[in-house]
Amino acid sequence: MSDNAIPGIDLSRPSIARTYDYLIGGKDNYAVDREFGDEFIVKLPGAVQIAIDNRQALVRAVGDIAAHTGIRQFIDFGSGLPTADNVHQVAERHTSEARVVYIDNDPIVLAHGRALLAENALTTVVQADIRDPRAIRENPELLRLIDFGRPVGVILSAVLHHLNDDEDPYGVMRYWREAVPSGSYFFISHFRSRRDPESAKLEGLLQGSLGRGRWRTDEEIAALFEGLDVLEPGIQPAAEWRPRLEHRSGLTIWQQLLVAGLAVKP
């Protein structure tokens, strides 16, 4: 991507969405994002695999929801930039009726998403802040596609760990759990703190550059699923969450730093 400024985009700080795009091989990023991404690549060998594992777990989760639950509408929070195997693409492999709303607060996500999805009447992008769930719930563009009288697939892939404790990630979860009917599914992936040097180093790097977020312990992550029934295989490292192939050599220390889980509202 050209590094010419686009209105509303701050090129002095890396973006979570654009850095993630860079790490998984995308092209919708700027020099500041690539520089930040290179810190992971150079200073933290193996950390890039976390981004890959997260994307693959997301693909498996959406595929399982679309194929086996009858759910035909999804809200993807902190969706990031459109790349291969987005939620709508995965869902459409199983049903032509899939309706998907992407939510992100990065203006470049809105610009690129709307351009790519201009001809897809069943998918849209809304620029909004996950910390303001009521505004999202009442957004006309979201309500155009999402019927809250029917079960919803709620995707929170690698987004809640970007909320500090005082931004109440548990309140965000509680709001959406109460907003959707029984039979709705929630997929969450989240960085975990194992209280060891590796996870502390990675957390410090992200916070130092982006200025926000907190890794959480296994117990704190499990609490995000309060009021939901967690499905097999439970909350596991993303690479081992319903894998298509077994990891015969075991997981690296880096791969153990991101966990994922799928739950249903009873």
Protein backbone atom coordinates (compact mmCIF):
# COMPACT_ATOMS: atom_id res chain seq x y z
CA MET A 1 0.00 0.00 0.00
CA SER A 2 1.17 3.54 -0.71
CA ASP A 3 2.11 5.43 2.43
CA ASN A 4 0.25 8.54 1.29
CA ALA A 5 -2.04 9.75 4.07
CA ILE A 6 -5.74 8.95 3.96
CA PRO A 7 -8.06 11.29 5.88
CA GLY A 8 -8.76 10.00 9.37
CA ILE A 9 -5.78 7.63 9.45
CA ASP A 10 -2.94 8.27 11.93
CA LEU A 11 0.35 7.18 10.36
CA SER A 12 2.38 8.03 13.47
CA ARG A 13 1.24 4.91 15.36
CA PRO A 14 0.83 1.30 14.28
CA SER A 15 -2.68 -0.06 13.86
CA ILE A 16 -3.68 -3.42 15.31
CA ALA A 17 -5.64 -4.28 12.17
CA ARG A 18 -2.92 -3.25 9.73
CA THR A 19 -0.11 -4.93 11.69
CA TYR A 20 -2.09 -8.17 11.81
CA ASP A 21 -2.64 -7.83 8.07
CA TYR A 22 1.13 -7.50 7.57
CA LEU A 23 1.94 -10.49 9.77
CA ILE A 24 -0.34 -12.81 7.81
CA GLY A 25 1.01 -11.64 4.46
CA GLY A 26 -1.47 -8.92 3.52
CA LYS A 27 -0.76 -5.70 1.64
CA ASP A 28 -3.05 -3.23 3.39
CA ASN A 29 -0.51 -1.75 5.79
CA TYR A 30 1.89 1.18 6.18
CA ALA A 31 5.55 1.59 7.09
CA VAL A 32 4.73 2.20 10.76
CA ASP A 33 2.79 -1.09 10.86
CA ARG A 34 5.53 -3.04 9.09
CA GLU A 35 8.13 -1.64 11.48
CA PHE A 36 6.05 -2.75 14.45
CA GLY A 37 5.41 -6.13 12.84
CA ASP A 38 9.11 -6.59 12.23
CA GLU A 39 9.70 -6.21 15.97
CA PHE A 40 7.66 -9.37 16.43
CA ILE A 41 9.44 -11.14 13.60
CA VAL A 42 12.97 -10.17 14.70
CA LYS A 43 12.74 -9.83 18.47
CA LEU A 44 10.20 -12.54 19.16
CA PRO A 45 10.83 -15.52 16.88
CA GLY A 46 7.77 -17.70 16.64
CA ALA A 47 5.30 -14.96 17.54
CA VAL A 48 4.04 -14.65 13.95
CA GLN A 49 2.70 -18.19 14.19
CA ILE A 50 0.25 -16.90 16.78
CA ALA A 51 -1.44 -14.73 14.14
CA ILE A 52 -1.60 -17.68 11.76
CA ASP A 53 -3.02 -20.00 14.44
CA ASN A 54 -5.65 -17.41 15.34
CA ARG A 55 -6.83 -17.02 11.75
CA GLN A 56 -7.03 -20.79 11.26
CA ALA A 57 -9.02 -21.28 14.49
CA LEU A 58 -11.42 -18.54 13.39
CA VAL A 59 -11.95 -20.27 10.05
CA ARG A 60 -12.67 -23.59 11.76
CA ALA A 61 -15.10 -21.99 14.23
CA VAL A 62 -17.11 -20.12 11.61
CA GLY A 63 -17.18 -23.18 9.39
CA ASP A 64 -18.49 -25.36 12.21
CA ILE A 65 -21.15 -22.80 13.19
CA ALA A 66 -22.36 -22.33 9.61
CA ALA A 67 -22.31 -26.04 8.81
CA HIS A 68 -23.84 -27.52 11.94
CA THR A 69 -25.97 -24.99 13.84
CA GLY A 70 -28.36 -23.43 11.34
CA ILE A 71 -27.10 -19.95 12.25
CA ARG A 72 -27.15 -17.67 9.23
CA GLN A 73 -26.08 -14.32 10.72
CA PHE A 74 -22.78 -13.24 12.24
CA ILE A 75 -21.30 -10.18 13.94
CA ASP A 76 -17.50 -10.06 13.78
CA PHE A 77 -15.99 -7.63 16.32
CA GLY A 78 -12.54 -6.20 15.69
CA SER A 79 -12.65 -7.83 12.30
CA GLY A 80 -9.54 -6.18 10.89
CA LEU A 81 -8.78 -5.75 7.22
CA PRO A 82 -10.40 -8.00 4.64
CA THR A 83 -8.05 -10.84 3.75
CA ALA A 84 -8.38 -14.46 2.71
CA ASP A 85 -10.94 -16.57 4.57
CA ASN A 86 -12.99 -13.80 6.12
CA VAL A 87 -16.11 -14.73 8.10
CA HIS A 88 -18.47 -14.12 5.18
CA GLN A 89 -16.33 -16.17 2.80
CA VAL A 90 -16.16 -19.13 5.19
CA ALA A 91 -19.88 -18.98 5.99
CA GLU A 92 -20.80 -18.74 2.31
CA ARG A 93 -19.11 -22.07 1.68
CA HIS A 94 -21.89 -23.65 3.71
CA THR A 95 -24.85 -21.39 2.95
CA SER A 96 -25.73 -18.71 0.44
CA GLU A 97 -27.92 -17.03 3.08
CA ALA A 98 -25.12 -15.93 5.42
CA ARG A 99 -25.42 -12.34 6.65
CA VAL A 100 -22.28 -10.82 8.15
CA VAL A 101 -21.59 -7.49 9.84
CA TYR A 102 -17.97 -6.57 10.46
CA ILE A 103 -17.26 -4.12 13.32
CA ASP A 104 -13.96 -2.24 13.62
CA ASN A 105 -12.86 1.19 14.83
CA ASP A 106 -10.02 1.59 12.30
CA PRO A 107 -11.08 3.95 9.48
CA ILE A 108 -8.96 2.08 6.95
CA VAL A 109 -10.95 -1.09 7.69
CA LEU A 110 -14.13 0.78 6.86
CA ALA A 111 -12.69 2.22 3.63
CA HIS A 112 -11.26 -1.04 2.32
CA GLY A 113 -14.09 -3.20 3.58
CA ARG A 114 -16.79 -1.16 1.93
CA ALA A 115 -14.89 -1.12 -1.35
CA LEU A 116 -14.44 -4.89 -1.36
CA LEU A 117 -17.97 -5.64 -0.22
CA ALA A 118 -19.76 -3.09 -2.38
CA GLU A 119 -21.43 -5.78 -4.47
CA ASN A 120 -22.28 -8.08 -1.55
CA ALA A 121 -25.73 -7.14 -0.25
CA LEU A 122 -25.53 -9.59 2.67
CA THR A 123 -22.26 -8.31 4.14
CA THR A 124 -21.33 -4.89 5.48
CA VAL A 125 -18.71 -3.06 7.56
CA VAL A 126 -19.54 -0.70 10.42
CA GLN A 127 -16.96 1.62 11.95
CA ALA A 128 -17.68 1.53 15.68
CA ASP A 129 -16.04 1.05 19.06
CA ILE A 130 -16.54 -2.27 20.81
CA ARG A 131 -16.54 -0.37 24.11
CA ASP A 132 -19.89 1.17 23.15
CA PRO A 133 -22.06 -1.91 22.57
CA ARG A 134 -25.37 -0.07 22.76
CA ALA A 135 -24.42 2.21 19.86
CA ILE A 136 -23.44 -0.85 17.83
CA ARG A 137 -26.67 -2.65 18.70
CA GLU A 138 -28.73 0.33 17.52
CA ASN A 139 -26.72 0.99 14.35
CA PRO A 140 -29.11 1.00 11.35
CA GLU A 141 -26.60 -0.70 9.08
CA LEU A 142 -26.22 -3.56 11.53
CA LEU A 143 -29.98 -3.83 11.99
CA ARG A 144 -30.40 -4.01 8.23
CA LEU A 145 -28.80 -7.46 8.27
CA ILE A 146 -29.05 -8.80 11.83
CA ASP A 147 -32.34 -10.02 13.28
CA PHE A 148 -31.95 -10.20 17.06
CA GLY A 149 -35.02 -12.36 17.28
CA ARG A 150 -32.97 -15.23 15.83
CA PRO A 151 -29.68 -16.80 17.01
CA VAL A 152 -26.49 -14.96 16.09
CA GLY A 153 -22.89 -16.07 15.68
CA VAL A 154 -20.83 -13.58 17.72
CA ILE A 155 -17.13 -13.49 16.82
CA LEU A 156 -14.62 -11.92 19.21
CA SER A 157 -11.38 -13.10 17.66
CA ALA A 158 -8.27 -11.62 19.31
CA VAL A 159 -10.06 -8.43 20.30
CA LEU A 160 -10.96 -8.55 24.01
CA HIS A 161 -7.32 -8.57 25.10
CA HIS A 162 -7.04 -5.09 23.59
CA LEU A 163 -9.45 -3.81 26.24
CA ASN A 164 -7.98 -2.70 29.54
CA ASP A 165 -9.69 -3.75 32.75
CA ASP A 166 -11.22 -0.30 33.26
CA GLU A 167 -12.87 -0.64 29.83
CA ASP A 168 -14.89 -3.54 31.21
CA PRO A 169 -14.49 -6.43 28.74
CA TYR A 170 -16.74 -8.51 31.00
CA GLY A 171 -19.45 -5.89 30.69
CA VAL A 172 -19.09 -5.97 26.91
CA MET A 173 -19.54 -9.74 26.98
CA ARG A 174 -22.50 -9.48 29.34
CA TYR A 175 -24.21 -6.96 27.06
CA TRP A 176 -23.98 -9.15 23.98
CA ARG A 177 -24.88 -12.31 25.86
CA GLU A 178 -28.09 -10.60 26.95
CA ALA A 179 -28.70 -9.02 23.52
CA VAL A 180 -28.88 -12.30 21.58
CA PRO A 181 -31.38 -15.15 21.99
CA SER A 182 -30.79 -18.69 23.21
CA GLY A 183 -28.97 -20.80 20.66
CA SER A 184 -26.52 -18.03 19.78
CA TYR A 185 -22.85 -18.95 19.55
CA PHE A 186 -19.81 -17.04 20.81
CA PHE A 187 -16.27 -17.61 19.54
CA ILE A 188 -13.51 -15.94 21.57
CA SER A 189 -9.75 -16.05 21.18
CA HIS A 190 -7.56 -14.23 23.68
CA PHE A 191 -3.91 -13.84 24.67
CA ARG A 192 -3.20 -15.64 27.91
CA SER A 193 -0.78 -14.71 30.66
CA ARG A 194 1.08 -17.74 31.91
CA ARG A 195 3.01 -15.55 34.36
CA ASP A 196 6.26 -16.37 32.59
CA PRO A 197 8.97 -14.29 30.83
CA GLU A 198 7.80 -15.17 27.30
CA SER A 199 4.22 -13.97 27.71
CA ALA A 200 5.34 -10.92 29.71
CA LYS A 201 7.77 -9.94 26.95
CA LEU A 202 5.17 -10.20 24.23
CA GLU A 203 2.59 -8.31 26.27
CA GLY A 204 5.10 -5.55 27.02
CA LEU A 205 5.98 -5.13 23.35
CA LEU A 206 2.36 -4.73 22.31
CA GLN A 207 1.48 -2.39 25.13
CA GLY A 208 4.59 -0.30 24.54
CA SER A 209 3.65 0.37 20.93
CA LEU A 210 -0.15 0.43 21.07
CA GLY A 211 -0.55 1.66 24.62
CA ARG A 212 -3.39 -0.64 25.58
CA GLY A 213 -4.55 -4.12 26.37
CA ARG A 214 -3.91 -6.83 28.92
CA TRP A 215 -3.20 -10.51 28.72
CA ARG A 216 -5.41 -12.51 31.07
CA THR A 217 -4.99 -15.69 33.06
CA ASP A 218 -6.82 -18.89 32.20
CA GLU A 219 -9.28 -18.17 35.00
CA GLU A 220 -9.93 -14.63 33.75
CA ILE A 221 -10.47 -15.83 30.19
CA ALA A 222 -12.86 -18.53 31.37
CA ALA A 223 -14.86 -15.81 33.15
CA LEU A 224 -15.51 -14.15 29.79
CA PHE A 225 -17.67 -17.18 28.96
CA GLU A 226 -19.82 -16.75 32.08
CA GLY A 227 -23.46 -17.63 31.39
CA LEU A 228 -22.58 -19.67 28.31
CA ASP A 229 -22.05 -23.39 27.78
CA VAL A 230 -18.50 -23.93 26.56
CA LEU A 231 -18.36 -26.64 23.90
CA GLU A 232 -15.73 -29.32 23.28
CA PRO A 233 -12.77 -29.25 23.44
CA GLY A 234 -13.09 -26.38 25.93
CA ILE A 235 -10.77 -23.39 26.01
CA GLN A 236 -7.56 -24.55 24.36
CA PRO A 237 -4.51 -23.09 22.60
CA ALA A 238 -5.80 -21.88 19.23
CA ALA A 239 -3.62 -24.34 17.33
CA GLU A 240 -5.23 -27.22 19.24
CA TRP A 241 -8.80 -25.97 19.08
CA ARG A 242 -10.57 -28.49 16.83
CA PRO A 243 -7.47 -28.95 14.66
CA ARG A 244 -7.80 -30.55 11.26
CA LEU A 245 -4.39 -32.16 11.76
CA GLU A 246 -2.63 -33.16 14.98
CA HIS A 247 0.53 -31.35 16.06
CA ARG A 248 2.74 -34.37 16.47
CA SER A 249 5.75 -32.36 17.61
CA GLY A 250 3.76 -30.41 20.20
CA LEU A 251 3.21 -26.67 20.44
CA THR A 252 5.89 -24.03 20.78
CA ILE A 253 5.88 -21.73 23.80
CA TRP A 254 4.51 -19.01 21.53
CA GLN A 255 1.58 -21.09 20.37
CA GLN A 256 0.55 -21.62 23.97
CA LEU A 257 0.06 -17.88 24.46
CA LEU A 258 -3.25 -17.67 22.53
CA VAL A 259 -6.32 -19.68 23.48
CA ALA A 260 -9.72 -20.07 21.83
CA GLY A 261 -13.13 -21.35 22.77
CA LEU A 262 -16.64 -21.71 21.37
CA ALA A 263 -19.75 -21.49 23.52
CA VAL A 264 -23.53 -21.46 23.11
CA LYS A 265 -26.11 -19.45 25.02
CA PRO A 266 -28.47 -21.92 26.70
